[in-house]
Amino acid sequence: MSGTHKLIFAGLLIFISVKWTVSVPEDELHAEYWNNKAKQALHTAMNAQRNSNKAKNVILFLGDGMGIPTVTAARILKGQLAGRSGEETSLVMDSFPHLALSKTYNVDQQMPDSAGTATAYLCGVKANYGTLGVTAATQRYNCSSAYGNEVKSVLHRAKLAGKSVGIVTTTRVQHASPAASYAHTANRGWYSDSHLTDEAVQNGCRDIAYQLVHNTEINVILGGGRQYMFPKNMQDPEYPSYTGDRADGQNLVLEWTKNKKNVAYVWNKADFDKINPQNTDFLMGLFEPKDCRYELDRDPSMDPSLTEMVEKAIRILSKNPKGYFLFVEGGRIDHAHHDGKAKKSLHEAVELDRAIGRAAELTSELDTLSVVTADHSHVFAFGGSSARGNPVLGVSRSLANDSKHFTTAVYGNGPGYQIANGTRPDVNETISMDNDYRQQAPVPLDSETHGIDDVAIFAKGPMSHLFDGVQEQNYIAHVMAYAACLEPYEDCRLTQSNHVASIHPSLLLLLMGLLLFSLHSV
């Protein structure tokens, strides 16, 4: 090798070395950093105290389709959006002290859907694919088979116990995940009466929107789904070309507001912002005809974010001295994955984590059980040869065997299939960072599929230590019911935290500091 070639080669090695370590902090190069970090984590684990109080409040956060690879990729994206390399970042859910795995299969299917899984984690009973709030004795699409097989959700049981209850979602409020809180149906797709089959009509089955209004008195309902609440001759207030979907001529929003005090219905951000939680006991906000817009597409002047909806819900529900149950869904994580668009999905996951963080600021671990989980995963994978700090939506630093680049985020199947004449297109970060870019997939499908793998359960607050090991998904509902002493665990014999203990931890520390200061002054 000539001297010139040696110089070029050495320069290339330096360039590669710098490129590969450009995002690595100096501290991480030394053993002391990692040893101290591990010692701190060990100290925290050894000194962790179990909270065996009764849960006054329960909040269940559901990332629809948020498998573990999605959690990891969202964590890195969160850090990179803040200007860091990302890998060392922590999501808010990462700070929850207790962790378990959930087995997600439906009774009749290995690959689950959001309806059967929602019945499991909200009602405590595993069910068939596509069915809501009923046992597996119910056959999908068979209305009559649902009768006598209804199961009650934790939300419904919380309401019976005198608590306030709410659902917040980025999907339509009649969608599978929130609907398991209040509906009992042989088909998740019966959103309005116009979707019912002749058999369902003949046997007296009701659509999901009707059940939203009539089954359980829900204090806060926030999300999308206007279309299913209004008759077909009623024009949408935001989109003149849209009308309602109901064939029965009913206005279910008016039906819902009947005989309620301090009640409000809103459909836009301006009216939502005007709602004063102190004089509002019931709030329905439906911000789109169907699902809410993706966070990357949302118009903040028209639609509130998931975080804003969660804050409003907590402020309304927390007025009840008996506490509340709140279901919060980041539902469009799932939809973007189905469409093969990882960027939109991961931004939805980051927004869900932001909402979890805001909820943490508004509640106390001493009396509020907070649970974060997913209904199922997706065939979304995150890997490949990449340097520290590589954009989570970027490309691998190495080439594939076809001498072309590939993204580190990929799908096992779906609409991202791009092979033509035996070859696939090359890709770079300019292409892959587009909001609507579809990651490549080897199996062509119109819609990417759910995964079959386990999902995580993160938990903090009263009785959160019960989330441990690998559990069936229906176990989640039983822990929530037990922690709050709801049916069938009314005799749970847990102790309600006293008045002082219910103070927010940060305020409690401040009061203790002031007390010590006053004693020292004396």
Protein backbone atom coordinates (compact mmCIF):
# COMPACT_ATOMS: atom_id res chain seq x y z
CA MET A 1 0.00 0.00 0.00
CA SER A 2 1.44 3.38 -1.01
CA GLY A 3 1.87 6.25 1.42
CA THR A 4 -1.01 8.10 -0.21
CA HIS A 5 -3.26 5.07 0.08
CA LYS A 6 -2.25 4.58 3.71
CA LEU A 7 -3.13 8.22 4.46
CA ILE A 8 -6.52 7.89 2.78
CA PHE A 9 -7.21 4.61 4.59
CA ALA A 10 -6.21 6.10 7.95
CA GLY A 11 -8.41 9.11 7.30
CA LEU A 12 -11.30 6.86 6.43
CA LEU A 13 -10.84 4.92 9.67
CA ILE A 14 -10.82 8.17 11.65
CA PHE A 15 -13.95 9.35 9.83
CA ILE A 16 -15.73 6.07 10.51
CA SER A 17 -14.61 6.04 14.15
CA VAL A 18 -15.83 9.60 14.68
CA LYS A 19 -19.09 8.92 12.85
CA TRP A 20 -19.77 5.84 14.93
CA THR A 21 -19.07 7.54 18.28
CA VAL A 22 -20.14 11.11 17.57
CA SER A 23 -23.14 10.83 19.91
CA VAL A 24 -21.42 9.04 22.77
CA PRO A 25 -21.00 11.18 25.91
CA GLU A 26 -17.51 11.21 27.42
CA ASP A 27 -18.74 9.72 30.73
CA GLU A 28 -19.94 6.56 29.03
CA LEU A 29 -16.38 5.68 27.98
CA HIS A 30 -15.42 4.94 31.59
CA ALA A 31 -16.36 2.01 33.83
CA GLU A 32 -17.09 4.32 36.75
CA TYR A 33 -20.12 5.80 34.96
CA TRP A 34 -21.76 2.42 34.38
CA ASN A 35 -20.87 1.10 37.83
CA ASN A 36 -22.39 4.16 39.53
CA LYS A 37 -25.48 3.97 37.34
CA ALA A 38 -25.99 0.32 38.23
CA LYS A 39 -25.40 0.99 41.95
CA GLN A 40 -28.07 3.69 41.91
CA ALA A 41 -30.54 1.33 40.23
CA LEU A 42 -29.63 -1.42 42.72
CA HIS A 43 -30.14 0.95 45.66
CA THR A 44 -33.53 1.98 44.31
CA ALA A 45 -34.59 -1.65 43.85
CA MET A 46 -33.43 -2.70 47.33
CA ASN A 47 -35.22 0.17 49.01
CA ALA A 48 -38.45 -0.02 47.05
CA GLN A 49 -41.51 0.03 49.29
CA ARG A 50 -44.69 -1.81 48.43
CA ASN A 51 -47.82 0.33 48.35
CA SER A 52 -50.59 -1.86 49.75
CA ASN A 53 -53.17 0.90 50.07
CA LYS A 54 -56.54 0.79 48.44
CA ALA A 55 -56.55 2.61 45.10
CA LYS A 56 -58.91 5.55 45.20
CA ASN A 57 -58.28 6.17 41.49
CA VAL A 58 -57.29 3.88 38.63
CA ILE A 59 -55.95 5.02 35.26
CA LEU A 60 -55.37 2.49 32.49
CA PHE A 61 -53.26 3.74 29.58
CA LEU A 62 -53.55 1.57 26.48
CA GLY A 63 -51.14 1.90 23.59
CA ASP A 64 -53.05 0.11 20.85
CA GLY A 65 -50.53 -2.02 18.98
CA MET A 66 -47.67 -0.79 21.19
CA GLY A 67 -45.44 -3.86 21.22
CA ILE A 68 -42.04 -3.81 22.89
CA PRO A 69 -40.15 -2.84 19.69
CA THR A 70 -42.51 0.13 19.38
CA VAL A 71 -41.75 1.14 22.99
CA THR A 72 -38.01 0.98 22.30
CA ALA A 73 -38.22 2.95 19.07
CA ALA A 74 -40.50 5.56 20.67
CA ARG A 75 -38.02 5.96 23.53
CA ILE A 76 -35.19 6.71 21.12
CA LEU A 77 -37.40 9.02 19.06
CA LYS A 78 -38.37 10.95 22.19
CA GLY A 79 -34.70 11.52 22.98
CA GLN A 80 -33.82 12.48 19.42
CA LEU A 81 -36.68 14.99 19.28
CA ALA A 82 -35.03 16.59 22.34
CA GLY A 83 -31.66 16.77 20.58
CA ARG A 84 -30.04 13.74 22.22
CA SER A 85 -28.80 10.46 20.75
CA GLY A 86 -31.94 8.85 22.16
CA GLU A 87 -30.91 5.42 23.40
CA GLU A 88 -30.25 6.65 26.94
CA THR A 89 -33.58 8.47 27.14
CA SER A 90 -36.36 7.22 29.41
CA LEU A 91 -40.04 7.26 28.63
CA VAL A 92 -42.32 8.16 31.52
CA MET A 93 -43.64 4.61 31.49
CA ASP A 94 -40.06 3.38 31.92
CA SER A 95 -40.04 4.91 35.40
CA PHE A 96 -42.94 2.75 36.60
CA PRO A 97 -41.41 0.37 39.16
CA HIS A 98 -43.37 -2.78 38.38
CA LEU A 99 -43.36 -4.71 35.16
CA ALA A 100 -44.95 -7.85 33.74
CA LEU A 101 -45.68 -9.48 30.41
CA SER A 102 -49.15 -10.08 29.02
CA LYS A 103 -50.16 -13.01 26.79
CA THR A 104 -52.43 -11.50 24.16
CA TYR A 105 -54.06 -14.35 22.22
CA ASN A 106 -57.84 -14.50 21.83
CA VAL A 107 -59.77 -17.63 22.79
CA ASP A 108 -60.31 -18.58 19.15
CA GLN A 109 -57.28 -17.05 17.48
CA GLN A 110 -53.52 -16.97 17.99
CA MET A 111 -53.17 -13.50 16.49
CA PRO A 112 -55.48 -11.26 18.54
CA ASP A 113 -57.54 -8.19 17.70
CA SER A 114 -58.37 -5.10 19.73
CA ALA A 115 -61.89 -6.26 20.64
CA GLY A 116 -61.11 -9.64 22.15
CA THR A 117 -58.10 -8.22 23.96
CA ALA A 118 -60.06 -5.23 25.31
CA THR A 119 -62.63 -7.61 26.72
CA ALA A 120 -59.76 -9.36 28.53
CA TYR A 121 -57.98 -6.37 30.09
CA LEU A 122 -61.15 -4.38 30.83
CA CYS A 123 -63.66 -7.10 31.74
CA GLY A 124 -61.34 -9.79 33.08
CA VAL A 125 -62.49 -12.53 30.68
CA LYS A 126 -60.79 -13.66 27.47
CA ALA A 127 -63.03 -13.58 24.40
CA ASN A 128 -63.21 -14.35 20.70
CA TYR A 129 -61.70 -12.27 17.93
CA GLY A 130 -63.95 -9.32 17.00
CA THR A 131 -66.33 -9.56 19.96
CA LEU A 132 -66.78 -6.99 22.74
CA GLY A 133 -67.86 -7.33 26.36
CA VAL A 134 -69.03 -10.93 25.99
CA THR A 135 -67.59 -14.35 26.76
CA ALA A 136 -66.15 -16.70 24.19
CA ALA A 137 -69.52 -18.48 24.08
CA THR A 138 -70.50 -15.61 21.74
CA GLN A 139 -69.84 -16.23 18.05
CA ARG A 140 -68.79 -13.23 16.01
CA TYR A 141 -71.58 -11.72 13.86
CA ASN A 142 -74.19 -13.84 15.69
CA CYS A 143 -76.25 -11.34 17.66
CA SER A 144 -78.40 -13.87 19.48
CA SER A 145 -75.35 -15.73 20.82
CA ALA A 146 -74.41 -12.68 22.90
CA TYR A 147 -77.49 -12.84 25.14
CA GLY A 148 -76.67 -14.14 28.59
CA ASN A 149 -72.94 -13.97 27.89
CA GLU A 150 -72.34 -10.31 28.75
CA VAL A 151 -69.43 -9.44 31.06
CA LYS A 152 -69.02 -6.20 33.03
CA SER A 153 -65.99 -3.94 32.67
CA VAL A 154 -63.97 -2.46 35.51
CA LEU A 155 -65.23 0.95 34.37
CA HIS A 156 -68.84 -0.19 34.81
CA ARG A 157 -68.08 -1.68 38.21
CA ALA A 158 -66.31 1.51 39.29
CA LYS A 159 -69.42 3.52 38.36
CA LEU A 160 -71.61 1.17 40.40
CA ALA A 161 -69.27 1.77 43.36
CA GLY A 162 -69.91 5.52 43.15
CA LYS A 163 -66.77 6.56 41.30
CA SER A 164 -66.67 8.90 38.32
CA VAL A 165 -65.56 7.25 35.07
CA GLY A 166 -64.16 8.38 31.75
CA ILE A 167 -62.79 7.27 28.39
CA VAL A 168 -60.27 9.24 26.32
CA THR A 169 -59.04 8.00 22.96
CA THR A 170 -57.48 9.16 19.71
CA THR A 171 -59.78 6.78 17.80
CA ARG A 172 -63.56 7.00 17.54
CA VAL A 173 -65.06 6.51 21.01
CA GLN A 174 -67.05 3.58 19.62
CA HIS A 175 -63.86 1.79 18.57
CA ALA A 176 -62.98 -1.64 19.96
CA SER A 177 -60.68 -0.61 22.82
CA PRO A 178 -62.89 2.00 24.54
CA ALA A 179 -66.10 0.17 23.59
CA ALA A 180 -65.26 -2.80 25.81
CA SER A 181 -65.75 -0.40 28.73
CA TYR A 182 -69.49 -0.15 28.08
CA ALA A 183 -70.66 -2.32 25.16
CA HIS A 184 -71.68 -5.94 24.69
CA THR A 185 -71.76 -7.01 21.06
CA ALA A 186 -71.05 -9.94 18.77
CA ASN A 187 -69.31 -7.65 16.27
CA ARG A 188 -66.96 -4.74 16.95
CA GLY A 189 -67.92 -3.21 13.59
CA TRP A 190 -71.53 -2.42 14.52
CA TYR A 191 -70.71 1.24 15.23
CA SER A 192 -74.18 2.57 14.40
CA ASP A 193 -77.57 1.04 13.66
CA SER A 194 -76.94 1.31 9.93
CA HIS A 195 -74.20 -1.33 10.32
CA LEU A 196 -76.39 -3.95 12.00
CA THR A 197 -77.24 -7.11 10.08
CA ASP A 198 -80.83 -8.24 9.54
CA GLU A 199 -80.26 -10.97 12.12
CA ALA A 200 -79.00 -8.43 14.65
CA VAL A 201 -82.01 -6.16 14.10
CA GLN A 202 -84.47 -9.06 14.32
CA ASN A 203 -82.93 -10.24 17.59
CA GLY A 204 -82.89 -6.78 19.16
CA CYS A 205 -79.15 -6.16 19.31
CA ARG A 206 -78.11 -2.53 19.68
CA ASP A 207 -75.26 -0.76 17.97
CA ILE A 208 -72.19 0.40 19.91
CA ALA A 209 -72.99 4.13 19.75
CA TYR A 210 -76.44 3.44 21.23
CA GLN A 211 -74.84 1.43 24.02
CA LEU A 212 -72.37 4.25 24.72
CA VAL A 213 -75.29 6.45 25.67
CA HIS A 214 -77.54 3.91 27.40
CA ASN A 215 -75.45 1.20 29.09
CA THR A 216 -73.24 3.01 31.61
CA GLU A 217 -73.37 6.63 32.72
CA ILE A 218 -69.91 7.83 31.70
CA ASN A 219 -68.79 11.22 32.99
CA VAL A 220 -66.15 12.06 30.39
CA ILE A 221 -66.12 10.84 26.78
CA LEU A 222 -63.39 12.35 24.58
CA GLY A 223 -62.17 11.30 21.13
CA GLY A 224 -63.62 10.96 17.63
CA GLY A 225 -66.80 9.33 16.35
CA ARG A 226 -69.33 12.13 15.68
CA GLN A 227 -70.64 10.34 12.61
CA TYR A 228 -72.27 7.51 14.54
CA MET A 229 -74.12 9.77 16.96
CA PHE A 230 -76.24 11.72 14.48
CA PRO A 231 -78.92 10.92 11.87
CA LYS A 232 -78.13 10.67 8.17
CA ASN A 233 -79.89 13.93 7.35
CA MET A 234 -77.74 15.93 9.80
CA GLN A 235 -74.74 17.78 8.37
CA ASP A 236 -71.39 17.59 10.14
CA PRO A 237 -70.46 20.98 11.70
CA GLU A 238 -66.86 20.84 10.47
CA TYR A 239 -67.06 19.04 7.13
CA PRO A 240 -70.16 20.09 5.11
CA SER A 241 -69.89 17.08 2.80
CA TYR A 242 -70.22 14.69 5.76
CA THR A 243 -73.48 13.69 7.40
CA GLY A 244 -74.43 11.46 10.29
CA ASP A 245 -74.66 7.70 9.93
CA ARG A 246 -77.75 6.76 11.90
CA ALA A 247 -80.76 5.28 10.09
CA ASP A 248 -83.04 5.52 13.13
CA GLY A 249 -83.04 9.34 13.07
CA GLN A 250 -81.75 9.60 16.65
CA ASN A 251 -79.47 12.34 17.91
CA LEU A 252 -77.54 10.40 20.54
CA VAL A 253 -75.68 13.45 21.82
CA LEU A 254 -78.97 15.08 22.79
CA GLU A 255 -80.06 11.77 24.28
CA TRP A 256 -76.87 11.64 26.34
CA THR A 257 -77.27 15.17 27.71
CA LYS A 258 -80.85 14.55 28.92
CA ASN A 259 -81.46 14.65 32.67
CA LYS A 260 -77.85 15.62 33.42
CA LYS A 261 -76.67 18.69 35.29
CA ASN A 262 -73.41 20.50 34.56
CA VAL A 263 -73.19 18.75 31.20
CA ALA A 264 -71.49 19.90 27.99
CA TYR A 265 -70.87 18.67 24.45
CA VAL A 266 -68.04 20.11 22.32
CA TRP A 267 -66.64 19.29 18.90
CA ASN A 268 -63.76 21.77 18.50
CA LYS A 269 -60.74 22.99 20.42
CA ALA A 270 -62.09 26.47 21.17
CA ASP A 271 -65.18 25.14 22.95
CA PHE A 272 -63.09 22.42 24.62
CA ASP A 273 -60.77 25.05 26.09
CA LYS A 274 -63.73 26.98 27.49
CA ILE A 275 -64.85 24.01 29.59
CA ASN A 276 -64.26 24.74 33.27
CA PRO A 277 -63.75 21.42 35.10
CA GLN A 278 -64.95 22.98 38.36
CA ASN A 279 -68.50 23.42 37.09
CA THR A 280 -68.59 20.48 34.66
CA ASP A 281 -69.58 16.98 35.77
CA PHE A 282 -70.26 15.49 32.34
CA LEU A 283 -68.31 16.22 29.17
CA MET A 284 -68.55 14.66 25.71
CA GLY A 285 -66.07 15.88 23.12
CA LEU A 286 -66.16 14.38 19.62
CA PHE A 287 -63.57 16.09 17.48
CA GLU A 288 -63.75 14.17 14.20
CA PRO A 289 -66.45 12.22 12.31
CA LYS A 290 -64.41 9.03 12.72
CA ASP A 291 -60.92 8.71 14.25
CA CYS A 292 -58.96 11.72 15.47
CA ARG A 293 -56.19 12.93 13.20
CA TYR A 294 -52.67 11.62 13.64
CA GLU A 295 -50.57 13.77 15.95
CA LEU A 296 -48.33 14.72 13.00
CA ASP A 297 -51.41 15.89 11.06
CA ARG A 298 -53.45 17.39 13.91
CA ASP A 299 -54.55 21.03 13.63
CA PRO A 300 -53.97 22.33 17.18
CA SER A 301 -56.47 25.15 16.60
CA MET A 302 -59.27 22.63 15.93
CA ASP A 303 -58.49 19.46 17.89
CA PRO A 304 -56.96 18.99 21.36
CA SER A 305 -54.01 16.65 21.82
CA LEU A 306 -54.29 13.42 23.77
CA THR A 307 -52.40 15.10 26.62
CA GLU A 308 -54.87 17.99 26.72
CA MET A 309 -57.82 15.62 26.74
CA VAL A 310 -56.30 13.58 29.58
CA GLU A 311 -55.70 16.66 31.69
CA LYS A 312 -59.27 17.89 31.23
CA ALA A 313 -60.63 14.44 32.07
CA ILE A 314 -58.60 14.10 35.26
CA ARG A 315 -59.58 17.57 36.47
CA ILE A 316 -63.27 16.76 35.99
CA LEU A 317 -63.18 13.24 37.41
CA SER A 318 -60.99 14.03 40.43
CA LYS A 319 -63.73 16.15 42.02
CA ASN A 320 -65.46 12.96 43.12
CA PRO A 321 -64.41 12.19 46.73
CA LYS A 322 -64.88 8.48 45.99
CA GLY A 323 -62.34 8.61 43.18
CA TYR A 324 -62.48 7.64 39.52
CA PHE A 325 -61.60 5.14 36.81
CA LEU A 326 -60.14 6.53 33.58
CA PHE A 327 -59.34 4.65 30.38
CA VAL A 328 -56.88 6.40 28.06
CA GLU A 329 -56.01 5.05 24.62
CA GLY A 330 -53.32 6.05 22.19
CA GLY A 331 -55.28 4.27 19.50
CA ARG A 332 -53.66 5.42 16.31
CA ILE A 333 -50.33 3.78 17.09
CA ASP A 334 -52.09 0.74 15.72
CA HIS A 335 -53.55 2.43 12.65
CA ALA A 336 -50.24 3.81 11.44
CA HIS A 337 -48.57 0.42 11.91
CA HIS A 338 -51.32 -1.18 9.79
CA ASP A 339 -50.54 1.38 7.12
CA GLY A 340 -46.81 0.62 7.32
CA LYS A 341 -45.98 4.17 8.41
CA ALA A 342 -43.60 3.90 11.36
CA LYS A 343 -43.04 7.64 11.74
CA LYS A 344 -46.68 8.36 12.41
CA SER A 345 -46.98 5.38 14.74
CA LEU A 346 -43.95 6.33 16.82
CA HIS A 347 -45.05 9.96 17.15
CA GLU A 348 -48.40 8.65 18.42
CA ALA A 349 -46.52 6.58 21.02
CA VAL A 350 -44.46 9.59 22.11
CA GLU A 351 -47.67 11.59 22.54
CA LEU A 352 -49.17 8.81 24.66
CA ASP A 353 -46.10 8.94 26.88
CA ARG A 354 -46.48 12.70 27.14
CA ALA A 355 -50.04 12.18 28.33
CA ILE A 356 -48.82 9.64 30.88
CA GLY A 357 -46.36 12.24 32.15
CA ARG A 358 -49.04 14.91 32.50
CA ALA A 359 -51.27 12.49 34.37
CA ALA A 360 -48.40 11.76 36.74
CA GLU A 361 -48.14 15.47 37.52
CA LEU A 362 -51.84 15.64 38.33
CA THR A 363 -52.06 12.53 40.51
CA SER A 364 -50.31 10.85 43.42
CA GLU A 365 -48.81 7.36 43.47
CA LEU A 366 -50.11 7.06 47.02
CA ASP A 367 -53.76 6.77 45.98
CA THR A 368 -53.73 6.30 42.19
CA LEU A 369 -52.95 3.03 40.44
CA SER A 370 -51.56 3.77 36.98
CA VAL A 371 -51.15 0.97 34.46
CA VAL A 372 -49.66 1.19 30.96
CA THR A 373 -49.97 -1.69 28.54
CA ALA A 374 -50.84 -2.70 24.97
CA ASP A 375 -53.59 -4.89 23.61
CA HIS A 376 -51.27 -6.56 21.10
CA SER A 377 -48.11 -5.92 19.12
CA HIS A 378 -47.40 -5.63 15.40
CA VAL A 379 -44.93 -7.28 13.03
CA PHE A 380 -42.83 -4.14 13.43
CA ALA A 381 -39.11 -4.74 13.91
CA PHE A 382 -36.33 -2.34 14.78
CA GLY A 383 -32.77 -3.43 14.06
CA GLY A 384 -29.91 -3.54 11.61
CA SER A 385 -26.40 -2.16 11.73
CA SER A 386 -26.62 1.38 13.05
CA ALA A 387 -24.39 3.77 14.96
CA ARG A 388 -25.25 5.23 18.33
CA GLY A 389 -27.60 8.13 17.72
CA ASN A 390 -28.65 6.91 14.29
CA PRO A 391 -32.07 8.43 13.46
CA VAL A 392 -34.74 6.02 14.59
CA LEU A 393 -36.34 6.43 11.17
CA GLY A 394 -33.00 6.36 9.35
CA VAL A 395 -31.07 3.76 7.38
CA SER A 396 -28.53 1.13 8.31
CA ARG A 397 -24.85 2.05 8.02
CA SER A 398 -24.25 -1.16 6.06
CA LEU A 399 -25.68 -2.23 2.72
CA ALA A 400 -27.85 -5.27 2.15
CA ASN A 401 -26.73 -8.10 -0.13
CA ASP A 402 -28.39 -6.32 -3.04
CA SER A 403 -26.00 -3.38 -2.45
CA LYS A 404 -28.84 -1.10 -1.39
CA HIS A 405 -29.62 0.70 1.84
CA PHE A 406 -32.43 -0.36 4.17
CA THR A 407 -34.21 1.29 7.07
CA THR A 408 -33.58 0.03 10.60
CA ALA A 409 -37.36 0.13 11.16
CA VAL A 410 -39.12 -2.46 9.01
CA TYR A 411 -42.33 -4.51 8.87
CA GLY A 412 -42.69 -8.25 8.38
CA ASN A 413 -45.61 -7.73 6.02
CA GLY A 414 -47.96 -5.03 4.76
CA PRO A 415 -48.42 -2.32 2.13
CA GLY A 416 -44.69 -1.48 2.24
CA TYR A 417 -43.95 -4.35 -0.15
CA GLN A 418 -41.96 -2.67 -2.94
CA ILE A 419 -40.25 -5.47 -4.85
CA ALA A 420 -40.63 -5.12 -8.62
CA ASN A 421 -38.93 -7.36 -11.20
CA GLY A 422 -37.07 -9.07 -8.37
CA THR A 423 -35.52 -5.88 -6.99
CA ARG A 424 -36.41 -3.31 -4.38
CA PRO A 425 -35.79 0.45 -4.45
CA ASP A 426 -32.86 2.02 -2.67
CA VAL A 427 -33.67 4.33 0.24
CA ASN A 428 -31.97 7.16 2.09
CA GLU A 429 -32.83 9.25 5.15
CA THR A 430 -34.42 12.00 3.09
CA ILE A 431 -36.92 9.46 1.81
CA SER A 432 -37.41 7.49 5.04
CA MET A 433 -37.95 10.60 7.20
CA ASP A 434 -41.03 11.67 5.24
CA ASN A 435 -44.21 11.67 7.33
CA ASP A 436 -45.96 9.24 4.98
CA TYR A 437 -43.04 6.96 4.12
CA ARG A 438 -43.90 3.27 4.24
CA GLN A 439 -41.12 1.05 5.53
CA GLN A 440 -40.33 -1.86 3.25
CA ALA A 441 -41.97 -5.24 3.87
CA PRO A 442 -41.23 -8.66 2.31
CA VAL A 443 -44.85 -9.91 2.23
CA PRO A 444 -47.46 -7.93 0.25
CA LEU A 445 -50.66 -7.21 2.18
CA ASP A 446 -53.15 -4.34 2.02
CA SER A 447 -52.79 -3.92 5.78
CA GLU A 448 -49.88 -4.94 8.01
CA THR A 449 -50.92 -7.46 10.63
CA HIS A 450 -50.91 -7.63 14.41
CA GLY A 451 -48.17 -9.56 16.14
CA ILE A 452 -48.59 -12.62 18.34
CA ASP A 453 -45.85 -11.83 20.86
CA ASP A 454 -46.31 -10.79 24.48
CA VAL A 455 -46.63 -7.12 25.41
CA ALA A 456 -45.42 -5.25 28.48
CA ILE A 457 -47.41 -4.07 31.50
CA PHE A 458 -45.94 -1.08 33.38
CA ALA A 459 -47.49 -0.19 36.75
CA LYS A 460 -47.13 2.15 39.71
CA GLY A 461 -49.25 3.06 42.71
CA PRO A 462 -51.40 1.00 45.08
CA MET A 463 -51.00 -2.77 44.63
CA SER A 464 -48.94 -2.27 41.47
CA HIS A 465 -46.51 -4.94 42.73
CA LEU A 466 -49.14 -7.51 41.74
CA PHE A 467 -48.04 -6.96 38.15
CA ASP A 468 -45.22 -9.45 38.05
CA GLY A 469 -44.18 -12.35 35.83
CA VAL A 470 -45.93 -13.53 32.69
CA GLN A 471 -49.71 -13.28 32.96
CA GLU A 472 -52.81 -13.90 30.91
CA GLN A 473 -54.14 -10.58 29.63
CA ASN A 474 -57.39 -10.81 31.60
CA TYR A 475 -55.32 -10.66 34.82
CA ILE A 476 -54.98 -6.90 34.30
CA ALA A 477 -58.67 -6.26 34.97
CA HIS A 478 -58.57 -8.38 38.12
CA VAL A 479 -55.62 -6.47 39.60
CA MET A 480 -57.33 -3.14 38.91
CA ALA A 481 -60.59 -4.35 40.46
CA TYR A 482 -58.80 -5.79 43.50
CA ALA A 483 -56.70 -2.66 44.06
CA ALA A 484 -59.84 -0.49 44.05
CA CYS A 485 -61.95 -3.04 45.96
CA LEU A 486 -64.46 -3.33 43.14
CA GLU A 487 -66.69 -6.29 42.35
CA PRO A 488 -65.89 -9.15 42.90
CA TYR A 489 -63.26 -7.95 45.37
CA GLU A 490 -65.37 -5.67 47.58
CA ASP A 491 -63.92 -7.40 50.66
CA CYS A 492 -60.29 -6.77 49.62
CA ARG A 493 -59.51 -5.39 53.13
CA LEU A 494 -57.09 -2.78 51.81
CA THR A 495 -56.53 0.42 53.76
CA GLN A 496 -57.43 3.77 52.25
CA SER A 497 -54.48 6.15 52.45
CA ASN A 498 -54.98 8.82 55.10
CA HIS A 499 -55.43 12.51 54.37
CA VAL A 500 -51.75 13.38 54.70
CA ALA A 501 -50.68 10.44 52.56
CA SER A 502 -52.94 11.58 49.72
CA ILE A 503 -50.95 14.80 49.29
CA HIS A 504 -48.88 14.85 46.12
CA PRO A 505 -45.34 13.58 46.89
CA SER A 506 -43.65 16.82 45.79
CA LEU A 507 -45.87 18.88 48.09
CA LEU A 508 -45.30 16.41 50.92
CA LEU A 509 -41.52 16.84 50.59
CA LEU A 510 -41.92 20.61 50.64
CA LEU A 511 -44.01 20.46 53.81
CA MET A 512 -41.47 18.18 55.49
CA GLY A 513 -38.69 20.57 54.56
CA LEU A 514 -40.58 23.52 56.01
CA LEU A 515 -41.24 21.55 59.18
CA LEU A 516 -37.57 20.67 59.60
CA PHE A 517 -36.58 24.27 58.94
CA SER A 518 -39.00 25.57 61.57
CA LEU A 519 -37.75 23.03 64.14
CA HIS A 520 -34.15 23.97 63.40
CA SER A 521 -35.00 27.67 63.81
CA VAL A 522 -36.48 27.02 67.26
